[in-house]
N, C-alpha and C. Protein backbone atom coordinates (compact mmCIF):
# COMPACT_ATOMS: atom_id res chain seq x y z
N MET A 1 11.98 -10.56 -31.05
CA MET A 1 13.28 -10.48 -30.44
C MET A 1 13.58 -11.77 -29.69
N LYS A 2 14.86 -12.05 -29.63
CA LYS A 2 15.30 -13.27 -28.98
C LYS A 2 15.15 -13.17 -27.44
N LEU A 3 15.23 -11.94 -26.91
CA LEU A 3 15.16 -11.75 -25.43
C LEU A 3 13.79 -12.15 -24.93
N PHE A 4 12.74 -11.93 -25.65
CA PHE A 4 11.40 -12.25 -25.22
C PHE A 4 11.09 -13.72 -25.24
N ARG A 5 11.93 -14.51 -25.90
CA ARG A 5 11.75 -15.95 -25.92
C ARG A 5 12.45 -16.66 -24.78
N ASN A 6 13.24 -15.92 -24.02
CA ASN A 6 13.96 -16.46 -22.88
C ASN A 6 13.01 -16.65 -21.71
N PRO A 7 12.83 -17.88 -21.19
CA PRO A 7 11.85 -18.11 -20.13
C PRO A 7 12.23 -17.41 -18.82
N THR A 8 13.51 -17.25 -18.56
CA THR A 8 13.95 -16.56 -17.33
C THR A 8 13.54 -15.07 -17.40
N PHE A 9 13.75 -14.48 -18.58
CA PHE A 9 13.42 -13.05 -18.73
C PHE A 9 11.88 -12.88 -18.61
N LEU A 10 11.13 -13.77 -19.17
CA LEU A 10 9.69 -13.66 -19.10
C LEU A 10 9.16 -13.86 -17.69
N ALA A 11 9.77 -14.74 -16.94
CA ALA A 11 9.38 -14.94 -15.53
C ALA A 11 9.68 -13.70 -14.72
N LEU A 12 10.89 -13.11 -14.88
CA LEU A 12 11.23 -11.92 -14.15
C LEU A 12 10.36 -10.76 -14.57
N ALA A 13 10.07 -10.61 -15.85
CA ALA A 13 9.20 -9.53 -16.28
C ALA A 13 7.83 -9.66 -15.69
N LEU A 14 7.27 -10.89 -15.68
CA LEU A 14 5.96 -11.05 -15.06
C LEU A 14 5.97 -10.78 -13.56
N LEU A 15 7.02 -11.13 -12.86
CA LEU A 15 7.11 -10.85 -11.44
C LEU A 15 7.18 -9.33 -11.20
N VAL A 16 7.94 -8.62 -12.05
CA VAL A 16 8.03 -7.17 -11.87
C VAL A 16 6.69 -6.51 -12.15
N ILE A 17 5.99 -6.95 -13.21
CA ILE A 17 4.67 -6.39 -13.56
C ILE A 17 3.68 -6.67 -12.43
N LEU A 18 3.72 -7.87 -11.88
CA LEU A 18 2.84 -8.24 -10.83
C LEU A 18 3.11 -7.40 -9.59
N GLY A 19 4.36 -7.25 -9.23
CA GLY A 19 4.74 -6.40 -8.12
C GLY A 19 4.34 -4.95 -8.22
N LEU A 20 4.55 -4.39 -9.44
CA LEU A 20 4.12 -3.01 -9.68
C LEU A 20 2.61 -2.85 -9.60
N SER A 21 1.91 -3.81 -10.17
CA SER A 21 0.43 -3.69 -10.15
C SER A 21 -0.10 -3.85 -8.71
N LEU A 22 0.48 -4.70 -7.91
CA LEU A 22 0.06 -4.82 -6.55
C LEU A 22 0.37 -3.59 -5.74
N ARG A 23 1.54 -2.98 -6.05
CA ARG A 23 1.92 -1.75 -5.34
C ARG A 23 1.00 -0.62 -5.67
N LEU A 24 0.66 -0.48 -6.97
CA LEU A 24 -0.24 0.61 -7.41
C LEU A 24 -1.63 0.39 -6.98
N PHE A 25 -2.08 -0.91 -6.86
CA PHE A 25 -3.40 -1.19 -6.40
C PHE A 25 -3.65 -0.77 -4.96
N SER A 26 -2.63 -0.90 -4.13
CA SER A 26 -2.77 -0.54 -2.71
C SER A 26 -2.04 0.77 -2.40
N PHE A 27 -1.97 1.66 -3.37
CA PHE A 27 -1.23 2.90 -3.20
C PHE A 27 -1.80 3.80 -2.09
N GLY A 28 -3.07 3.74 -1.89
CA GLY A 28 -3.69 4.57 -0.85
C GLY A 28 -3.33 4.16 0.56
N SER A 29 -2.84 2.98 0.77
CA SER A 29 -2.48 2.54 2.12
C SER A 29 -0.97 2.65 2.40
N ILE A 30 -0.24 3.25 1.48
CA ILE A 30 1.20 3.43 1.70
C ILE A 30 1.43 4.64 2.60
N THR A 31 2.22 4.44 3.64
CA THR A 31 2.51 5.53 4.57
C THR A 31 3.96 5.95 4.46
N PHE A 32 4.24 7.18 4.82
CA PHE A 32 5.61 7.73 4.80
C PHE A 32 5.85 8.19 6.22
N GLY A 33 6.52 7.33 7.01
CA GLY A 33 6.67 7.59 8.43
C GLY A 33 8.05 8.17 8.81
N TYR A 34 8.33 8.11 10.07
CA TYR A 34 9.58 8.67 10.59
C TYR A 34 10.80 8.03 9.97
N ASP A 35 10.80 6.67 9.93
CA ASP A 35 11.95 5.98 9.39
C ASP A 35 12.24 6.30 7.95
N GLN A 36 11.20 6.37 7.14
CA GLN A 36 11.39 6.68 5.72
C GLN A 36 11.87 8.11 5.56
N ALA A 37 11.36 9.07 6.35
CA ALA A 37 11.79 10.46 6.25
C ALA A 37 13.25 10.56 6.67
N ARG A 38 13.62 9.92 7.77
CA ARG A 38 15.00 9.93 8.22
C ARG A 38 15.95 9.38 7.15
N ASP A 39 15.59 8.24 6.59
CA ASP A 39 16.44 7.62 5.56
C ASP A 39 16.54 8.50 4.31
N ALA A 40 15.46 9.18 3.95
CA ALA A 40 15.49 10.03 2.80
C ALA A 40 16.43 11.22 3.02
N ILE A 41 16.35 11.83 4.14
CA ILE A 41 17.21 13.00 4.45
C ILE A 41 18.68 12.56 4.53
N VAL A 42 18.96 11.48 5.19
CA VAL A 42 20.33 11.00 5.35
C VAL A 42 20.91 10.57 3.98
N SER A 43 20.15 9.85 3.24
CA SER A 43 20.68 9.42 1.90
C SER A 43 20.84 10.56 0.94
N TYR A 44 20.00 11.57 1.04
CA TYR A 44 20.18 12.76 0.18
C TYR A 44 21.41 13.53 0.60
N ASN A 45 21.68 13.63 1.87
CA ASN A 45 22.83 14.37 2.37
C ASN A 45 24.16 13.64 2.06
N ILE A 46 24.15 12.40 1.76
CA ILE A 46 25.37 11.68 1.38
C ILE A 46 25.99 12.32 0.14
N TRP A 47 25.13 12.71 -0.79
CA TRP A 47 25.58 13.34 -2.04
C TRP A 47 26.16 14.73 -1.80
N LYS A 48 25.82 15.35 -0.68
CA LYS A 48 26.37 16.68 -0.36
C LYS A 48 27.67 16.57 0.46
N GLY A 49 28.21 15.38 0.58
CA GLY A 49 29.49 15.19 1.29
C GLY A 49 29.41 14.69 2.69
N ASP A 50 28.21 14.48 3.21
CA ASP A 50 28.05 13.99 4.59
C ASP A 50 28.07 12.47 4.57
N LEU A 51 29.24 11.86 4.39
CA LEU A 51 29.36 10.40 4.31
C LEU A 51 29.12 9.79 5.66
N LYS A 52 28.53 8.64 5.61
CA LYS A 52 28.15 7.89 6.84
C LYS A 52 28.98 6.64 6.96
N ILE A 53 29.37 6.29 8.21
CA ILE A 53 30.07 5.05 8.47
C ILE A 53 29.32 4.23 9.51
N LEU A 54 28.19 4.73 9.98
CA LEU A 54 27.35 4.02 10.96
C LEU A 54 25.91 4.16 10.50
N GLY A 55 25.20 3.05 10.47
CA GLY A 55 23.84 3.01 9.98
C GLY A 55 22.88 3.46 11.04
N PRO A 56 21.57 3.42 10.73
CA PRO A 56 20.56 3.84 11.69
C PRO A 56 20.48 2.95 12.92
N ILE A 57 20.07 3.53 13.98
CA ILE A 57 19.98 2.79 15.26
C ILE A 57 18.81 1.80 15.21
N SER A 58 18.98 0.69 15.88
CA SER A 58 17.95 -0.33 15.95
C SER A 58 17.19 -0.23 17.29
N ASP A 59 16.30 -1.16 17.53
CA ASP A 59 15.55 -1.21 18.78
C ASP A 59 16.44 -1.55 19.96
N ILE A 60 17.53 -2.22 19.69
CA ILE A 60 18.47 -2.63 20.76
C ILE A 60 19.48 -1.50 20.96
N ALA A 61 19.59 -1.03 22.16
CA ALA A 61 20.48 0.08 22.46
C ALA A 61 21.94 -0.29 22.11
N GLY A 62 22.56 0.61 21.37
CA GLY A 62 23.97 0.42 21.02
C GLY A 62 24.17 -0.40 19.73
N LEU A 63 23.14 -0.92 19.14
CA LEU A 63 23.20 -1.75 17.93
C LEU A 63 22.67 -0.95 16.78
N HIS A 64 23.43 -0.89 15.69
CA HIS A 64 23.07 -0.13 14.48
C HIS A 64 22.94 -1.05 13.32
N HIS A 65 22.09 -0.71 12.36
CA HIS A 65 21.97 -1.45 11.13
C HIS A 65 23.11 -1.02 10.23
N GLY A 66 23.30 -1.79 9.14
CA GLY A 66 24.34 -1.41 8.20
C GLY A 66 24.03 -0.19 7.40
N ILE A 67 25.00 0.41 6.73
CA ILE A 67 24.79 1.61 6.00
C ILE A 67 24.53 1.37 4.50
N LEU A 68 24.59 0.12 4.05
CA LEU A 68 24.45 -0.19 2.65
C LEU A 68 23.12 0.32 2.10
N TYR A 69 22.07 0.26 2.88
CA TYR A 69 20.73 0.69 2.42
C TYR A 69 20.76 2.18 2.08
N TRP A 70 21.37 2.99 2.89
CA TRP A 70 21.48 4.44 2.64
C TRP A 70 22.22 4.72 1.34
N TYR A 71 23.29 3.98 1.14
CA TYR A 71 24.09 4.22 -0.07
C TYR A 71 23.38 3.68 -1.32
N LEU A 72 22.51 2.68 -1.20
CA LEU A 72 21.76 2.16 -2.32
C LEU A 72 20.65 3.08 -2.74
N ILE A 73 19.97 3.72 -1.76
CA ILE A 73 18.85 4.58 -2.11
C ILE A 73 19.28 6.03 -2.34
N SER A 74 20.52 6.36 -2.00
CA SER A 74 20.96 7.75 -2.17
C SER A 74 20.87 8.24 -3.64
N PRO A 75 21.25 7.49 -4.66
CA PRO A 75 21.08 8.04 -6.03
C PRO A 75 19.63 8.31 -6.39
N LEU A 76 18.71 7.45 -5.89
CA LEU A 76 17.32 7.68 -6.18
C LEU A 76 16.80 9.02 -5.63
N TYR A 77 17.18 9.31 -4.44
CA TYR A 77 16.77 10.57 -3.84
C TYR A 77 17.49 11.77 -4.45
N PHE A 78 18.73 11.59 -4.79
CA PHE A 78 19.50 12.71 -5.35
C PHE A 78 19.02 13.06 -6.74
N PHE A 79 18.82 12.08 -7.64
CA PHE A 79 18.43 12.36 -8.98
C PHE A 79 16.93 12.70 -9.09
N SER A 80 16.12 12.27 -8.16
CA SER A 80 14.66 12.63 -8.22
C SER A 80 14.39 13.87 -7.41
N ASN A 81 15.37 14.35 -6.66
CA ASN A 81 15.30 15.59 -5.88
C ASN A 81 14.09 15.51 -4.92
C-alpha cells in the first residue's frame, strides 16, 4: 500500500505503538483517583442532557479549567458505558 511508504505515517504509527506499549507495560501502576472519577461522571452526564458551561475547579479559589476536556472524553464514556 502507498500509505505505508509515507514516512510521516510510519513515524506516527511508531509513536502510537511505542506509547501503547509503554502504557501497557506500566499498567499496574495506573491509578483511578478522585479527579478521574469526577470527570468520568460529569462527561457521562453530558450525554443525558446535563450540559456544562463551567469546567472543573482548580487549586486557585474561583478559577476553573476549561470544559473542552469534558466534551472531548464524553463520547468515550458514553459509548463504552
